[in-house]
Amino acid sequence: MRALVSGLATAALIDGAAAAPAVTKMTPNEIQATFFNGQPFTSSTTSNIQFKMVFMPGGKMTREPAGKSGIKGEGTWKLSKDGFCTTWKGSKENCYTLIAGGNNKWSVVKGTAAMGTWSK
């Protein structure tokens, strides 16, 4: 009986996972066309600090706090195999992927951790 219950629970989990919406990771070319084109967009951290971000086509980027929190910055970006990497002045390089979230929102992910959201 215990094996039957365990098997049914496993089957339910598998069926539930299959019904979940597909995660759409943006390709590096899609990221460049959507965000790295000189047009401003909004970035929000997981603690809800917002910035106006501008990524120029030539590899430069800037951020301006949208409120009283946050630090203005500038740096460089480059595409990577799975997404993109940024280097803010005075910081080391970090690499990310972007996951489409619908309604003009994208999740910024480093490894398996959500770092924030971008919106247009």
Protein backbone atom coordinates (compact mmCIF):
# COMPACT_ATOMS: atom_id res chain seq x y z
CA MET A 1 0.00 0.00 0.00
CA ARG A 2 2.81 2.38 0.95
CA ALA A 3 4.48 1.79 -2.45
CA LEU A 4 1.20 2.52 -4.25
CA VAL A 5 0.72 5.83 -2.39
CA SER A 6 4.34 6.81 -3.05
CA GLY A 7 3.97 5.95 -6.75
CA LEU A 8 0.77 7.99 -7.05
CA ALA A 9 2.39 10.98 -5.33
CA THR A 10 5.36 10.79 -7.70
CA ALA A 11 3.05 10.57 -10.72
CA ALA A 12 1.08 13.60 -9.49
CA LEU A 13 4.30 15.61 -9.12
CA ILE A 14 5.43 14.66 -12.61
CA ASP A 15 2.02 15.52 -14.09
CA GLY A 16 2.03 18.85 -12.23
CA ALA A 17 5.50 19.69 -13.51
CA ALA A 18 4.46 18.90 -17.06
CA ALA A 19 1.53 21.30 -16.76
CA ALA A 20 3.75 24.18 -15.56
CA PRO A 21 4.38 26.93 -18.13
CA ALA A 22 7.61 26.64 -20.08
CA VAL A 23 10.46 28.89 -19.00
CA THR A 24 11.69 31.02 -21.89
CA LYS A 25 15.35 31.97 -21.54
CA MET A 26 16.37 34.78 -23.87
CA THR A 27 19.27 34.14 -26.23
CA PRO A 28 22.23 36.52 -26.16
CA ASN A 29 21.11 38.00 -29.50
CA GLU A 30 17.58 38.57 -28.15
CA ILE A 31 19.02 40.27 -25.05
CA GLN A 32 21.14 42.57 -27.21
CA ALA A 33 18.25 43.49 -29.52
CA THR A 34 15.78 44.06 -26.66
CA PHE A 35 17.93 45.77 -24.02
CA PHE A 36 21.43 46.63 -25.27
CA ASN A 37 20.27 49.18 -27.84
CA GLY A 38 20.72 52.52 -26.05
CA GLN A 39 17.07 52.71 -24.92
CA PRO A 40 16.38 53.11 -21.17
CA PHE A 41 14.53 50.45 -19.19
CA THR A 42 13.73 49.85 -15.51
CA SER A 43 15.65 47.44 -13.31
CA SER A 44 14.37 46.40 -9.88
CA THR A 45 16.44 44.53 -7.30
CA THR A 46 14.95 41.80 -5.12
CA SER A 47 14.70 44.43 -2.34
CA ASN A 48 12.69 46.65 -4.74
CA ILE A 49 15.37 49.31 -5.38
CA GLN A 50 14.73 50.64 -8.89
CA PHE A 51 17.14 52.00 -11.47
CA LYS A 52 16.92 53.50 -14.95
CA MET A 53 19.38 51.42 -16.97
CA VAL A 54 20.91 52.20 -20.36
CA PHE A 55 23.08 49.67 -22.17
CA MET A 56 24.73 51.21 -25.25
CA PRO A 57 25.38 49.04 -28.33
CA GLY A 58 29.16 49.53 -28.01
CA GLY A 59 29.43 47.81 -24.61
CA LYS A 60 29.02 50.71 -22.15
CA MET A 61 26.22 50.88 -19.56
CA THR A 62 24.87 53.29 -16.94
CA ARG A 63 22.40 53.15 -14.09
CA GLU A 64 20.57 55.95 -12.29
CA PRO A 65 18.57 55.37 -9.12
CA ALA A 66 14.85 55.89 -9.75
CA GLY A 67 14.25 56.81 -6.09
CA LYS A 68 16.20 57.80 -3.01
CA SER A 69 17.90 54.39 -2.67
CA GLY A 70 20.59 52.98 -4.90
CA ILE A 71 23.93 54.12 -6.27
CA LYS A 72 24.57 55.69 -9.67
CA GLY A 73 27.06 53.69 -11.71
CA GLU A 74 28.70 52.98 -15.03
CA GLY A 75 30.49 50.03 -16.49
CA THR A 76 30.72 47.65 -19.41
CA TRP A 77 28.71 44.69 -20.71
CA LYS A 78 29.37 41.80 -23.09
CA LEU A 79 27.37 38.88 -24.37
CA SER A 80 28.20 35.41 -23.08
CA LYS A 81 27.34 31.90 -24.24
CA ASP A 82 24.15 31.80 -22.14
CA GLY A 83 23.30 35.48 -21.67
CA PHE A 84 25.44 38.45 -20.72
CA CYS A 85 28.10 39.67 -18.28
CA THR A 86 28.49 43.08 -16.64
CA THR A 87 31.38 44.80 -14.92
CA TRP A 88 30.50 47.91 -12.90
CA LYS A 89 33.40 50.27 -12.10
CA GLY A 90 35.08 49.05 -8.93
CA SER A 91 33.42 45.60 -9.10
CA LYS A 92 34.25 42.23 -10.61
CA GLU A 93 32.46 40.71 -13.59
CA ASN A 94 29.11 38.96 -13.03
CA CYS A 95 27.22 36.90 -15.61
CA TYR A 96 23.45 36.45 -15.93
CA THR A 97 20.63 34.98 -17.97
CA LEU A 98 17.27 36.61 -18.65
CA ILE A 99 14.01 34.69 -18.33
CA ALA A 100 10.87 36.08 -19.97
CA GLY A 101 8.12 36.59 -17.41
CA GLY A 102 5.34 38.07 -19.53
CA ASN A 103 3.81 41.55 -19.40
CA ASN A 104 7.11 43.13 -20.51
CA LYS A 105 8.99 41.78 -17.47
CA TRP A 106 12.10 39.62 -17.40
CA SER A 107 13.83 37.91 -14.47
CA VAL A 108 17.57 38.48 -14.14
CA VAL A 109 19.12 35.21 -12.95
CA LYS A 110 22.66 34.43 -11.75
CA GLY A 111 23.13 30.67 -11.60
CA THR A 112 19.85 29.58 -10.01
CA ALA A 113 19.24 32.76 -7.98
CA ALA A 114 16.86 35.51 -9.07
CA MET A 115 18.69 38.83 -8.79
CA GLY A 116 15.88 41.17 -9.89
CA THR A 117 13.60 42.08 -12.76
CA TRP A 118 13.84 44.23 -15.87
CA SER A 119 10.80 45.88 -17.37
CA LYS A 120 9.95 48.07 -20.35
